[in-house]
Amino acid sequence: MLSKSQLVFKAVDILCYQMQNHVHFPLIEQVPNVPYSDQGGRATSGNIFYDKNRMASGVKFPIIVNIHGGGFVMGDKDYRESLCEFYAHNGYFVFDINYRMPPDVVFPVLCNDCIDALNFLPVLAKEYPIDLDKIIVTGDSSGGYLTAYVAALAYDDELRKAVGGHELQVNLAAIAPFCGIYDVQTLTSGTLPPDLIQDTASMLFGYHVDRKLNNLKDYPYIQYVAPIDYVNANWCPVFIAWAEDDLICVGQGAVMEEKLRNTCKTVESYHCGGLLNNHCYHLNFQTLEAKKCMAAFLRFLKSRV
């Protein structure tokens, strides 16, 4: 039986599926359910997307690893089909991944699965012409969090040791978190119902979190869960996108962008206002702001990777 938070995020995926996945591009080949680990079956597999013409040319592809959102407890790679086709249409080899989620696993297993997916890329390079010097990690919502946390683990040895994180065996050329949450302890500043936040946090951390999150401080890893605390000058180039009126991740994007700009060497961003341009607005390819956001992201990639 699904919990409250699982039901809500499952409903969001179903209701938004057609709006977010109605756009398709010609000549895109998809290879479904490629396992990157033997830990979780379909939960640790990814869908591959690439342009057939570019593949036939023999030119090496830059790589985008995409991490889906879903409130940490739901979601699936298959809900990002149009987004991944878009990236492939623009010349990227895309590995769109699943990862294990609560209640089957707790933090930081989700993060470690994402690291494992990245460490699988050299295996894919034996079969596909991909450029391991041009690896981009991106994700939306909780996938945005995981994108940032991958960078935190990659560029902070002490953090990785403290949480038992997996070591990243490839280099990142860039990361791009979209509409993510970066400071878990400020979850109560959003507009999500408190019982929904409580349920999500309890599942993610594996113990009963009270309704006001007062006992989050008792969680042994609490000082390590916010990627914003582990931004440092060694981070690769970052593109961050966020919504000014985000009803779920209120204020998260602006604060993270400020931290990145004050700390990192290369940071570019895109953000917009308006209730219609809300959480993960970039996934709706019909809107002007989504098109402008994705155009800005592509410019960033072409200039930095």
C-alpha atoms as a PDB file:
ATOM      1  CA  MET A   1       0.000   0.000   0.000  1.00  0.00           C
ATOM      2  CA  LEU A   2       1.314   3.427  -0.960  1.00  0.00           C
ATOM      3  CA  SER A   3       1.851   6.112   1.663  1.00  0.00           C
ATOM      4  CA  LYS A   4       0.354   9.632   1.481  1.00  0.00           C
ATOM      5  CA  SER A   5       3.417  11.130  -0.141  1.00  0.00           C
ATOM      6  CA  GLN A   6       3.753   8.269  -2.616  1.00  0.00           C
ATOM      7  CA  LEU A   7       0.114   8.644  -3.656  1.00  0.00           C
ATOM      8  CA  VAL A   8       0.495  12.394  -4.169  1.00  0.00           C
ATOM      9  CA  PHE A   9       3.660  12.196  -6.257  1.00  0.00           C
ATOM     10  CA  LYS A  10       2.329   9.247  -8.234  1.00  0.00           C
ATOM     11  CA  ALA A  11      -0.784  11.296  -9.048  1.00  0.00           C
ATOM     12  CA  VAL A  12       1.386  14.232 -10.167  1.00  0.00           C
ATOM     13  CA  ASP A  13       3.316  12.013 -12.563  1.00  0.00           C
ATOM     14  CA  ILE A  14       0.145  10.546 -14.047  1.00  0.00           C
ATOM     15  CA  LEU A  15      -1.666  13.878 -14.381  1.00  0.00           C
ATOM     16  CA  CYS A  16       1.348  15.640 -15.914  1.00  0.00           C
ATOM     17  CA  TYR A  17       2.466  12.808 -18.169  1.00  0.00           C
ATOM     18  CA  GLN A  18       0.751  13.927 -21.373  1.00  0.00           C
ATOM     19  CA  MET A  19       1.651  17.586 -20.888  1.00  0.00           C
ATOM     20  CA  GLN A  20       5.322  16.727 -20.294  1.00  0.00           C
ATOM     21  CA  ASN A  21       5.718  13.931 -22.838  1.00  0.00           C
ATOM     22  CA  HIS A  22       3.714  14.882 -25.899  1.00  0.00           C
ATOM     23  CA  VAL A  23       6.734  16.174 -27.858  1.00  0.00           C
ATOM     24  CA  HIS A  24       8.770  13.653 -29.864  1.00  0.00           C
ATOM     25  CA  PHE A  25      11.730  14.024 -32.195  1.00  0.00           C
ATOM     26  CA  PRO A  26      12.612  12.050 -35.338  1.00  0.00           C
ATOM     27  CA  LEU A  27      15.563   9.676 -35.612  1.00  0.00           C
ATOM     28  CA  ILE A  28      15.873   9.122 -31.872  1.00  0.00           C
ATOM     29  CA  GLU A  29      16.747   5.583 -30.861  1.00  0.00           C
ATOM     30  CA  GLN A  30      15.774   4.390 -27.379  1.00  0.00           C
ATOM     31  CA  VAL A  31      17.293   1.395 -25.609  1.00  0.00           C
ATOM     32  CA  PRO A  32      15.195   0.665 -22.504  1.00  0.00           C
ATOM     33  CA  ASN A  33      16.124  -0.738 -19.102  1.00  0.00           C
ATOM     34  CA  VAL A  34      19.899  -1.067 -19.374  1.00  0.00           C
ATOM     35  CA  PRO A  35      21.103  -2.254 -15.925  1.00  0.00           C
ATOM     36  CA  TYR A  36      23.922  -0.266 -14.327  1.00  0.00           C
ATOM     37  CA  SER A  37      23.903  -2.310 -11.126  1.00  0.00           C
ATOM     38  CA  ASP A  38      22.613  -5.701 -10.019  1.00  0.00           C
ATOM     39  CA  GLN A  39      21.237  -4.244  -6.779  1.00  0.00           C
ATOM     40  CA  GLY A  40      17.672  -3.364  -7.688  1.00  0.00           C
ATOM     41  CA  GLY A  41      16.531  -4.755 -11.032  1.00  0.00           C
ATOM     42  CA  ARG A  42      14.593  -2.112 -12.958  1.00  0.00           C
ATOM     43  CA  ALA A  43      15.210   0.335 -10.087  1.00  0.00           C
ATOM     44  CA  THR A  44      18.909   0.390 -10.986  1.00  0.00           C
ATOM     45  CA  SER A  45      18.617   0.614 -14.747  1.00  0.00           C
ATOM     46  CA  GLY A  46      18.494   3.394 -17.293  1.00  0.00           C
ATOM     47  CA  ASN A  47      17.005   4.201 -20.688  1.00  0.00           C
ATOM     48  CA  ILE A  48      19.445   5.202 -23.420  1.00  0.00           C
ATOM     49  CA  PHE A  49      18.574   7.821 -26.060  1.00  0.00           C
ATOM     50  CA  TYR A  50      20.667   8.907 -29.035  1.00  0.00           C
ATOM     51  CA  ASP A  51      20.307  10.330 -32.538  1.00  0.00           C
ATOM     52  CA  LYS A  52      20.716   7.603 -35.178  1.00  0.00           C
ATOM     53  CA  ASN A  53      22.381   9.920 -37.713  1.00  0.00           C
ATOM     54  CA  ARG A  54      24.994  11.114 -35.238  1.00  0.00           C
ATOM     55  CA  MET A  55      25.633   7.529 -34.156  1.00  0.00           C
ATOM     56  CA  ALA A  56      26.216   6.537 -37.787  1.00  0.00           C
ATOM     57  CA  SER A  57      28.709   9.384 -38.198  1.00  0.00           C
ATOM     58  CA  GLY A  58      31.043   7.873 -35.605  1.00  0.00           C
ATOM     59  CA  VAL A  59      31.504  11.199 -33.816  1.00  0.00           C
ATOM     60  CA  LYS A  60      31.727  10.844 -30.049  1.00  0.00           C
ATOM     61  CA  PHE A  61      28.721  11.990 -28.027  1.00  0.00           C
ATOM     62  CA  PRO A  62      28.850  14.165 -24.936  1.00  0.00           C
ATOM     63  CA  ILE A  63      26.824  12.415 -22.218  1.00  0.00           C
ATOM     64  CA  ILE A  64      23.844  13.587 -20.190  1.00  0.00           C
ATOM     65  CA  VAL A  65      22.859  11.491 -17.184  1.00  0.00           C
ATOM     66  CA  ASN A  66      19.317  12.474 -16.229  1.00  0.00           C
ATOM     67  CA  ILE A  67      17.885  11.900 -12.733  1.00  0.00           C
ATOM     68  CA  HIS A  68      14.089  12.011 -12.460  1.00  0.00           C
ATOM     69  CA  GLY A  69      12.177  13.718  -9.667  1.00  0.00           C
ATOM     70  CA  GLY A  70       9.265  12.502  -7.593  1.00  0.00           C
ATOM     71  CA  GLY A  71       9.580  13.763  -4.048  1.00  0.00           C
ATOM     72  CA  PHE A  72      12.286  11.179  -3.202  1.00  0.00           C
ATOM     73  CA  VAL A  73       9.620   8.470  -2.885  1.00  0.00           C
ATOM     74  CA  MET A  74       8.074   8.161  -6.358  1.00  0.00           C
ATOM     75  CA  GLY A  75       8.787   8.900 -10.012  1.00  0.00           C
ATOM     76  CA  ASP A  76      10.325   6.914 -12.833  1.00  0.00           C
ATOM     77  CA  LYS A  77      12.702   7.459 -15.726  1.00  0.00           C
ATOM     78  CA  ASP A  78       9.870   6.749 -18.182  1.00  0.00           C
ATOM     79  CA  TYR A  79       8.161  10.016 -17.196  1.00  0.00           C
ATOM     80  CA  ARG A  80      11.048  12.009 -18.760  1.00  0.00           C
ATOM     81  CA  GLU A  81      10.838  10.627 -22.292  1.00  0.00           C
ATOM     82  CA  SER A  82      10.293  13.927 -24.148  1.00  0.00           C
ATOM     83  CA  LEU A  83      13.019  15.663 -22.155  1.00  0.00           C
ATOM     84  CA  CYS A  84      15.513  12.937 -22.985  1.00  0.00           C
ATOM     85  CA  GLU A  85      14.510  12.902 -26.654  1.00  0.00           C
ATOM     86  CA  PHE A  86      15.082  16.664 -26.667  1.00  0.00           C
ATOM     87  CA  TYR A  87      18.611  16.231 -25.320  1.00  0.00           C
ATOM     88  CA  ALA A  88      19.325  13.433 -27.819  1.00  0.00           C
ATOM     89  CA  HIS A  89      17.938  15.536 -30.681  1.00  0.00           C
ATOM     90  CA  ASN A  90      20.471  18.211 -29.726  1.00  0.00           C
ATOM     91  CA  GLY A  91      23.430  15.863 -29.986  1.00  0.00           C
ATOM     92  CA  TYR A  92      23.750  14.205 -26.594  1.00  0.00           C
ATOM     93  CA  PHE A  93      23.906  10.575 -25.577  1.00  0.00           C
ATOM     94  CA  VAL A  94      21.394  10.334 -22.740  1.00  0.00           C
ATOM     95  CA  PHE A  95      21.349   7.855 -19.880  1.00  0.00           C
ATOM     96  CA  ASP A  96      18.037   8.430 -18.092  1.00  0.00           C
ATOM     97  CA  ILE A  97      18.225   6.530 -14.816  1.00  0.00           C
ATOM     98  CA  ASN A  98      16.065   5.040 -12.127  1.00  0.00           C
ATOM     99  CA  TYR A  99      17.353   4.626  -8.574  1.00  0.00           C
ATOM    100  CA  ARG A 100      16.062   2.836  -5.501  1.00  0.00           C
ATOM    101  CA  MET A 101      13.684   4.794  -3.285  1.00  0.00           C
ATOM    102  CA  PRO A 102      12.064   4.610   0.152  1.00  0.00           C
ATOM    103  CA  PRO A 103      10.703   2.572   1.767  1.00  0.00           C
ATOM    104  CA  ASP A 104      12.964  -0.029   0.124  1.00  0.00           C
ATOM    105  CA  VAL A 105      16.074   2.031   0.942  1.00  0.00           C
ATOM    106  CA  VAL A 106      16.899   5.185   2.898  1.00  0.00           C
ATOM    107  CA  PHE A 107      19.391   8.033   2.556  1.00  0.00           C
ATOM    108  CA  PRO A 108      22.118   7.927   1.245  1.00  0.00           C
ATOM    109  CA  VAL A 109      21.407   4.833  -0.892  1.00  0.00           C
ATOM    110  CA  LEU A 110      19.567   6.943  -3.499  1.00  0.00           C
ATOM    111  CA  CYS A 111      22.693   9.081  -3.914  1.00  0.00           C
ATOM    112  CA  ASN A 112      24.949   6.039  -4.138  1.00  0.00           C
ATOM    113  CA  ASP A 113      22.802   4.562  -6.904  1.00  0.00           C
ATOM    114  CA  CYS A 114      23.301   7.757  -8.929  1.00  0.00           C
ATOM    115  CA  ILE A 115      27.065   7.466  -8.396  1.00  0.00           C
ATOM    116  CA  ASP A 116      26.910   3.828  -9.535  1.00  0.00           C
ATOM    117  CA  ALA A 117      25.113   4.903 -12.713  1.00  0.00           C
ATOM    118  CA  LEU A 118      27.884   7.380 -13.466  1.00  0.00           C
ATOM    119  CA  ASN A 119      30.553   4.777 -12.741  1.00  0.00           C
ATOM    120  CA  PHE A 120      28.837   2.528 -15.291  1.00  0.00           C
ATOM    121  CA  LEU A 121      29.516   4.961 -18.146  1.00  0.00           C
ATOM    122  CA  PRO A 122      32.961   3.480 -18.992  1.00  0.00           C
ATOM    123  CA  VAL A 123      31.158   0.164 -19.588  1.00  0.00           C
ATOM    124  CA  LEU A 124      28.761   1.901 -21.986  1.00  0.00           C
ATOM    125  CA  ALA A 125      31.771   3.507 -23.675  1.00  0.00           C
ATOM    126  CA  LYS A 126      32.857   0.040 -24.811  1.00  0.00           C
ATOM    127  CA  GLU A 127      29.658  -0.243 -26.855  1.00  0.00           C
ATOM    128  CA  TYR A 128      28.808   3.351 -27.774  1.00  0.00           C
ATOM    129  CA  PRO A 129      30.979   6.263 -29.023  1.00  0.00           C
ATOM    130  CA  ILE A 130      30.623   8.435 -25.915  1.00  0.00           C
ATOM    131  CA  ASP A 131      33.111  11.008 -24.664  1.00  0.00           C
ATOM    132  CA  LEU A 132      33.924  10.326 -21.013  1.00  0.00           C
ATOM    133  CA  ASP A 133      35.497  13.778 -20.761  1.00  0.00           C
ATOM    134  CA  LYS A 134      32.086  15.358 -21.382  1.00  0.00           C
ATOM    135  CA  ILE A 135      29.760  14.009 -18.685  1.00  0.00           C
ATOM    136  CA  ILE A 136      26.849  16.214 -17.589  1.00  0.00           C
ATOM    137  CA  VAL A 137      24.539  15.309 -14.695  1.00  0.00           C
ATOM    138  CA  THR A 138      21.098  16.885 -14.511  1.00  0.00           C
ATOM    139  CA  GLY A 139      17.817  16.281 -12.726  1.00  0.00           C
ATOM    140  CA  ASP A 140      14.614  17.938 -11.588  1.00  0.00           C
ATOM    141  CA  SER A 141      12.994  18.366  -8.163  1.00  0.00           C
ATOM    142  CA  SER A 142      14.342  15.553  -5.943  1.00  0.00           C
ATOM    143  CA  GLY A 143      16.475  14.704  -8.982  1.00  0.00           C
ATOM    144  CA  GLY A 144      17.850  18.241  -8.720  1.00  0.00           C
ATOM    145  CA  TYR A 145      18.778  17.503  -5.118  1.00  0.00           C
ATOM    146  CA  LEU A 146      20.464  14.260  -6.171  1.00  0.00           C
ATOM    147  CA  THR A 147      22.326  16.085  -8.941  1.00  0.00           C
ATOM    148  CA  ALA A 148      23.740  18.549  -6.412  1.00  0.00           C
ATOM    149  CA  TYR A 149      24.485  15.778  -3.928  1.00  0.00           C
ATOM    150  CA  VAL A 150      26.445  13.841  -6.544  1.00  0.00           C
ATOM    151  CA  ALA A 151      28.653  16.911  -6.913  1.00  0.00           C
ATOM    152  CA  ALA A 152      28.922  17.252  -3.133  1.00  0.00           C
ATOM    153  CA  LEU A 153      30.101  13.643  -2.842  1.00  0.00           C
ATOM    154  CA  ALA A 154      32.468  14.042  -5.783  1.00  0.00           C
ATOM    155  CA  TYR A 155      34.183  17.161  -4.458  1.00  0.00           C
ATOM    156  CA  ASP A 156      34.206  16.599  -0.692  1.00  0.00           C
ATOM    157  CA  ASP A 157      36.095  13.533   0.523  1.00  0.00           C
ATOM    158  CA  GLU A 158      35.115  14.086   4.156  1.00  0.00           C
ATOM    159  CA  LEU A 159      31.406  14.171   3.307  1.00  0.00           C
ATOM    160  CA  ARG A 160      31.717  10.984   1.270  1.00  0.00           C
ATOM    161  CA  LYS A 161      33.454   9.186   4.135  1.00  0.00           C
ATOM    162  CA  ALA A 162      30.957  10.478   6.708  1.00  0.00           C
ATOM    163  CA  VAL A 163      27.887   9.133   4.901  1.00  0.00           C
ATOM    164  CA  GLY A 164      29.489   6.028   3.430  1.00  0.00           C
ATOM    165  CA  GLY A 165      29.120   7.439  -0.050  1.00  0.00           C
ATOM    166  CA  HIS A 166      30.411   5.693  -3.147  1.00  0.00           C
ATOM    167  CA  GLU A 167      33.476   7.160  -4.817  1.00  0.00           C
ATOM    168  CA  LEU A 168      32.910   8.711  -8.233  1.00  0.00           C
ATOM    169  CA  GLN A 169      35.297   7.124 -10.737  1.00  0.00           C
ATOM    170  CA  VAL A 170      34.648   9.499 -13.645  1.00  0.00           C
ATOM    171  CA  ASN A 171      35.025  13.261 -13.942  1.00  0.00           C
ATOM    172  CA  LEU A 172      32.080  15.639 -14.213  1.00  0.00           C
ATOM    173  CA  ALA A 173      32.151  18.263 -16.952  1.00  0.00           C
ATOM    174  CA  ALA A 174      29.042  20.052 -15.613  1.00  0.00           C
ATOM    175  CA  ILE A 175      25.937  19.639 -13.487  1.00  0.00           C
ATOM    176  CA  ALA A 176      22.488  21.169 -13.948  1.00  0.00           C
ATOM    177  CA  PRO A 177      19.941  20.947 -11.118  1.00  0.00           C
ATOM    178  CA  PHE A 178      16.424  22.095 -12.046  1.00  0.00           C
ATOM    179  CA  CYS A 179      13.928  23.236  -9.390  1.00  0.00           C
ATOM    180  CA  GLY A 180      15.611  21.220  -6.671  1.00  0.00           C
ATOM    181  CA  ILE A 181      15.617  21.295  -2.903  1.00  0.00           C
ATOM    182  CA  TYR A 182      19.071  21.905  -1.489  1.00  0.00           C
ATOM    183  CA  ASP A 183      18.471  22.508   2.218  1.00  0.00           C
ATOM    184  CA  VAL A 184      16.285  19.713   3.586  1.00  0.00           C
ATOM    185  CA  GLN A 185      15.933  21.351   6.986  1.00  0.00           C
ATOM    186  CA  THR A 186      13.917  24.233   5.480  1.00  0.00           C
ATOM    187  CA  LEU A 187      11.212  21.972   4.047  1.00  0.00           C
ATOM    188  CA  THR A 188       8.592  23.550   6.315  1.00  0.00           C
ATOM    189  CA  SER A 189       8.941  26.886   4.491  1.00  0.00           C
ATOM    190  CA  GLY A 190       7.129  25.465   1.476  1.00  0.00           C
ATOM    191  CA  THR A 191       3.433  25.066   0.848  1.00  0.00           C
ATOM    192  CA  LEU A 192       3.299  21.281   1.013  1.00  0.00           C
ATOM    193  CA  PRO A 193       1.006  20.000   3.803  1.00  0.00           C
ATOM    194  CA  PRO A 194       2.999  19.247   6.996  1.00  0.00           C
ATOM    195  CA  ASP A 195       1.821  15.631   7.123  1.00  0.00           C
ATOM    196  CA  LEU A 196       3.077  15.103   3.556  1.00  0.00           C
ATOM    197  CA  ILE A 197       6.501  16.497   4.477  1.00  0.00           C
ATOM    198  CA  GLN A 198       6.521  14.390   7.630  1.00  0.00           C
ATOM    199  CA  ASP A 199       5.722  11.236   5.670  1.00  0.00           C
ATOM    200  CA  THR A 200       8.388  11.934   3.045  1.00  0.00           C
ATOM    201  CA  ALA A 201      11.082  12.764   5.607  1.00  0.00           C
ATOM    202  CA  SER A 202      10.256   9.692   7.697  1.00  0.00           C
ATOM    203  CA  MET A 203      10.537   7.437   4.661  1.00  0.00           C
ATOM    204  CA  LEU A 204      13.700   9.096   3.361  1.00  0.00           C
ATOM    205  CA  PHE A 205      15.581   8.968   6.658  1.00  0.00           C
ATOM    206  CA  GLY A 206      14.141   5.723   7.973  1.00  0.00           C
ATOM    207  CA  TYR A 207      12.696   6.833  11.300  1.00  0.00           C
ATOM    208  CA  HIS A 208       9.590   8.603  12.565  1.00  0.00           C
ATOM    209  CA  VAL A 209       9.934  12.347  12.015  1.00  0.00           C
ATOM    210  CA  ASP A 210       7.459  14.467  13.966  1.00  0.00           C
ATOM    211  CA  ARG A 211       4.981  16.710  12.195  1.00  0.00           C
ATOM    212  CA  LYS A 212       6.990  19.914  12.774  1.00  0.00           C
ATOM    213  CA  LEU A 213      10.293  18.197  11.944  1.00  0.00           C
ATOM    214  CA  ASN A 214      11.578  19.090  15.423  1.00  0.00           C
ATOM    215  CA  ASN A 215      13.308  15.741  15.830  1.00  0.00           C
ATOM    216  CA  LEU A 216      15.194  15.962  12.531  1.00  0.00           C
ATOM    217  CA  LYS A 217      18.112  17.074  14.689  1.00  0.00           C
ATOM    218  CA  ASP A 218      18.166  13.555  16.159  1.00  0.00           C
ATOM    219  CA  TYR A 219      18.934  12.022  12.784  1.00  0.00           C
ATOM    220  CA  PRO A 220      22.614  10.934  12.903  1.00  0.00           C
ATOM    221  CA  TYR A 221      23.321  12.170   9.357  1.00  0.00           C
ATOM    222  CA  ILE A 222      21.354  15.427   9.590  1.00  0.00           C
ATOM    223  CA  GLN A 223      24.435  17.639   9.248  1.00  0.00           C
ATOM    224  CA  TYR A 224      25.264  15.887   5.985  1.00  0.00           C
ATOM    225  CA  VAL A 225      21.949  15.889   4.100  1.00  0.00           C
ATOM    226  CA  ALA A 226      21.966  19.415   2.610  1.00  0.00           C
ATOM    227  CA  PRO A 227      24.135  19.718  -0.519  1.00  0.00           C
ATOM    228  CA  ILE A 228      24.108  23.515  -0.183  1.00  0.00           C
ATOM    229  CA  ASP A 229      26.401  23.090   2.841  1.00  0.00           C
ATOM    230  CA  TYR A 230      29.012  21.292   0.744  1.00  0.00           C
ATOM    231  CA  VAL A 231      29.368  23.617  -2.230  1.00  0.00           C
ATOM    232  CA  ASN A 232      33.047  24.387  -2.683  1.00  0.00           C
ATOM    233  CA  ALA A 233      35.401  26.005  -5.163  1.00  0.00           C
ATOM    234  CA  ASN A 234      36.298  22.658  -6.745  1.00  0.00           C
ATOM    235  CA  TRP A 235      32.820  22.116  -8.208  1.00  0.00           C
ATOM    236  CA  CYS A 236      32.571  21.747 -11.975  1.00  0.00           C
ATOM    237  CA  PRO A 237      30.580  24.334 -13.983  1.00  0.00           C
ATOM    238  CA  VAL A 238      26.956  24.582 -12.824  1.00  0.00           C
ATOM    239  CA  PHE A 239      23.754  25.577 -14.572  1.00  0.00           C
ATOM    240  CA  ILE A 240      20.897  26.053 -12.114  1.00  0.00           C
ATOM    241  CA  ALA A 241      17.265  26.686 -13.054  1.00  0.00           C
ATOM    242  CA  TRP A 242      14.496  27.591 -10.639  1.00  0.00           C
ATOM    243  CA  ALA A 243      11.055  29.166 -10.379  1.00  0.00           C
ATOM    244  CA  GLU A 244      10.605  32.375  -8.424  1.00  0.00           C
ATOM    245  CA  ASP A 245       7.106  31.342  -7.332  1.00  0.00           C
ATOM    246  CA  ASP A 246       7.846  27.647  -6.799  1.00  0.00           C
ATOM    247  CA  LEU A 247       5.109  26.300  -4.532  1.00  0.00           C
ATOM    248  CA  ILE A 248       7.112  23.242  -3.497  1.00  0.00           C
ATOM    249  CA  CYS A 249      10.724  24.391  -3.197  1.00  0.00           C
ATOM    250  CA  VAL A 250      10.080  27.927  -1.933  1.00  0.00           C
ATOM    251  CA  GLY A 251      13.254  30.022  -1.978  1.00  0.00           C
ATOM    252  CA  GLN A 252      15.541  27.052  -2.544  1.00  0.00           C
ATOM    253  CA  GLY A 253      16.781  27.979  -6.011  1.00  0.00           C
ATOM    254  CA  ALA A 254      17.627  31.590  -5.216  1.00  0.00           C
ATOM    255  CA  VAL A 255      19.610  30.659  -2.097  1.00  0.00           C
ATOM    256  CA  MET A 256      21.463  27.877  -3.878  1.00  0.00           C
ATOM    257  CA  GLU A 257      22.319  30.136  -6.810  1.00  0.00           C
ATOM    258  CA  GLU A 258      23.720  32.751  -4.430  1.00  0.00           C
ATOM    259  CA  LYS A 259      25.843  30.129  -2.678  1.00  0.00           C
ATOM    260  CA  LEU A 260      27.116  28.803  -5.993  1.00  0.00           C
ATOM    261  CA  ARG A 261      27.978  32.262  -7.345  1.00  0.00           C
ATOM    262  CA  ASN A 262      29.840  33.156  -4.155  1.00  0.00           C
ATOM    263  CA  THR A 263      31.808  29.913  -4.188  1.00  0.00           C
ATOM    264  CA  CYS A 264      32.214  28.324  -7.612  1.00  0.00           C
ATOM    265  CA  LYS A 265      34.171  29.430 -10.651  1.00  0.00           C
ATOM    266  CA  THR A 266      31.490  28.947 -13.317  1.00  0.00           C
ATOM    267  CA  VAL A 267      27.780  29.367 -12.643  1.00  0.00           C
ATOM    268  CA  GLU A 268      24.966  30.224 -15.034  1.00  0.00           C
ATOM    269  CA  SER A 269      21.259  30.271 -14.295  1.00  0.00           C
ATOM    270  CA  TYR A 270      17.759  30.700 -15.566  1.00  0.00           C
ATOM    271  CA  HIS A 271      14.735  31.600 -13.478  1.00  0.00           C
ATOM    272  CA  CYS A 272      11.324  33.093 -14.086  1.00  0.00           C
ATOM    273  CA  GLY A 273       8.267  34.229 -12.178  1.00  0.00           C
ATOM    274  CA  GLY A 274       4.534  33.635 -12.339  1.00  0.00           C
ATOM    275  CA  LEU A 275       2.367  30.908 -10.887  1.00  0.00           C
ATOM    276  CA  LEU A 276       1.997  29.304 -14.311  1.00  0.00           C
ATOM    277  CA  ASN A 277       5.795  28.971 -14.475  1.00  0.00           C
ATOM    278  CA  ASN A 278       6.042  26.917 -11.329  1.00  0.00           C
ATOM    279  CA  HIS A 279       7.822  23.832 -10.075  1.00  0.00           C
ATOM    280  CA  CYS A 280       9.650  22.040 -12.929  1.00  0.00           C
ATOM    281  CA  TYR A 281       8.167  24.416 -15.514  1.00  0.00           C
ATOM    282  CA  HIS A 282      10.927  23.429 -17.940  1.00  0.00           C
ATOM    283  CA  LEU A 283       9.248  20.050 -18.521  1.00  0.00           C
ATOM    284  CA  ASN A 284       6.278  21.631 -20.304  1.00  0.00           C
ATOM    285  CA  PHE A 285       7.650  22.202 -23.786  1.00  0.00           C
ATOM    286  CA  GLN A 286       4.570  24.174 -24.845  1.00  0.00           C
ATOM    287  CA  THR A 287       5.409  27.240 -22.760  1.00  0.00           C
ATOM    288  CA  LEU A 288       7.648  30.126 -23.711  1.00  0.00           C
ATOM    289  CA  GLU A 289       9.578  30.003 -20.420  1.00  0.00           C
ATOM    290  CA  ALA A 290      10.294  26.293 -20.844  1.00  0.00           C
ATOM    291  CA  LYS A 291      11.666  26.940 -24.320  1.00  0.00           C
ATOM    292  CA  LYS A 292      13.776  29.877 -23.097  1.00  0.00           C
ATOM    293  CA  CYS A 293      15.078  27.864 -20.155  1.00  0.00           C
ATOM    294  CA  MET A 294      16.126  24.902 -22.286  1.00  0.00           C
ATOM    295  CA  ALA A 295      17.705  27.206 -24.866  1.00  0.00           C
ATOM    296  CA  ALA A 296      19.764  28.800 -22.089  1.00  0.00           C
ATOM    297  CA  PHE A 297      20.812  25.353 -20.859  1.00  0.00           C
ATOM    298  CA  LEU A 298      21.923  24.299 -24.343  1.00  0.00           C
ATOM    299  CA  ARG A 299      23.946  27.525 -24.740  1.00  0.00           C
ATOM    300  CA  PHE A 300      25.625  26.788 -21.440  1.00  0.00           C
ATOM    301  CA  LEU A 301      26.484  23.246 -22.519  1.00  0.00           C
ATOM    302  CA  LYS A 302      27.823  24.313 -25.907  1.00  0.00           C
ATOM    303  CA  SER A 303      30.057  26.945 -24.306  1.00  0.00           C
ATOM    304  CA  ARG A 304      31.238  25.009 -21.264  1.00  0.00           C
ATOM    305  CA  VAL A 305      31.392  21.338 -22.235  1.00  0.00           C
END
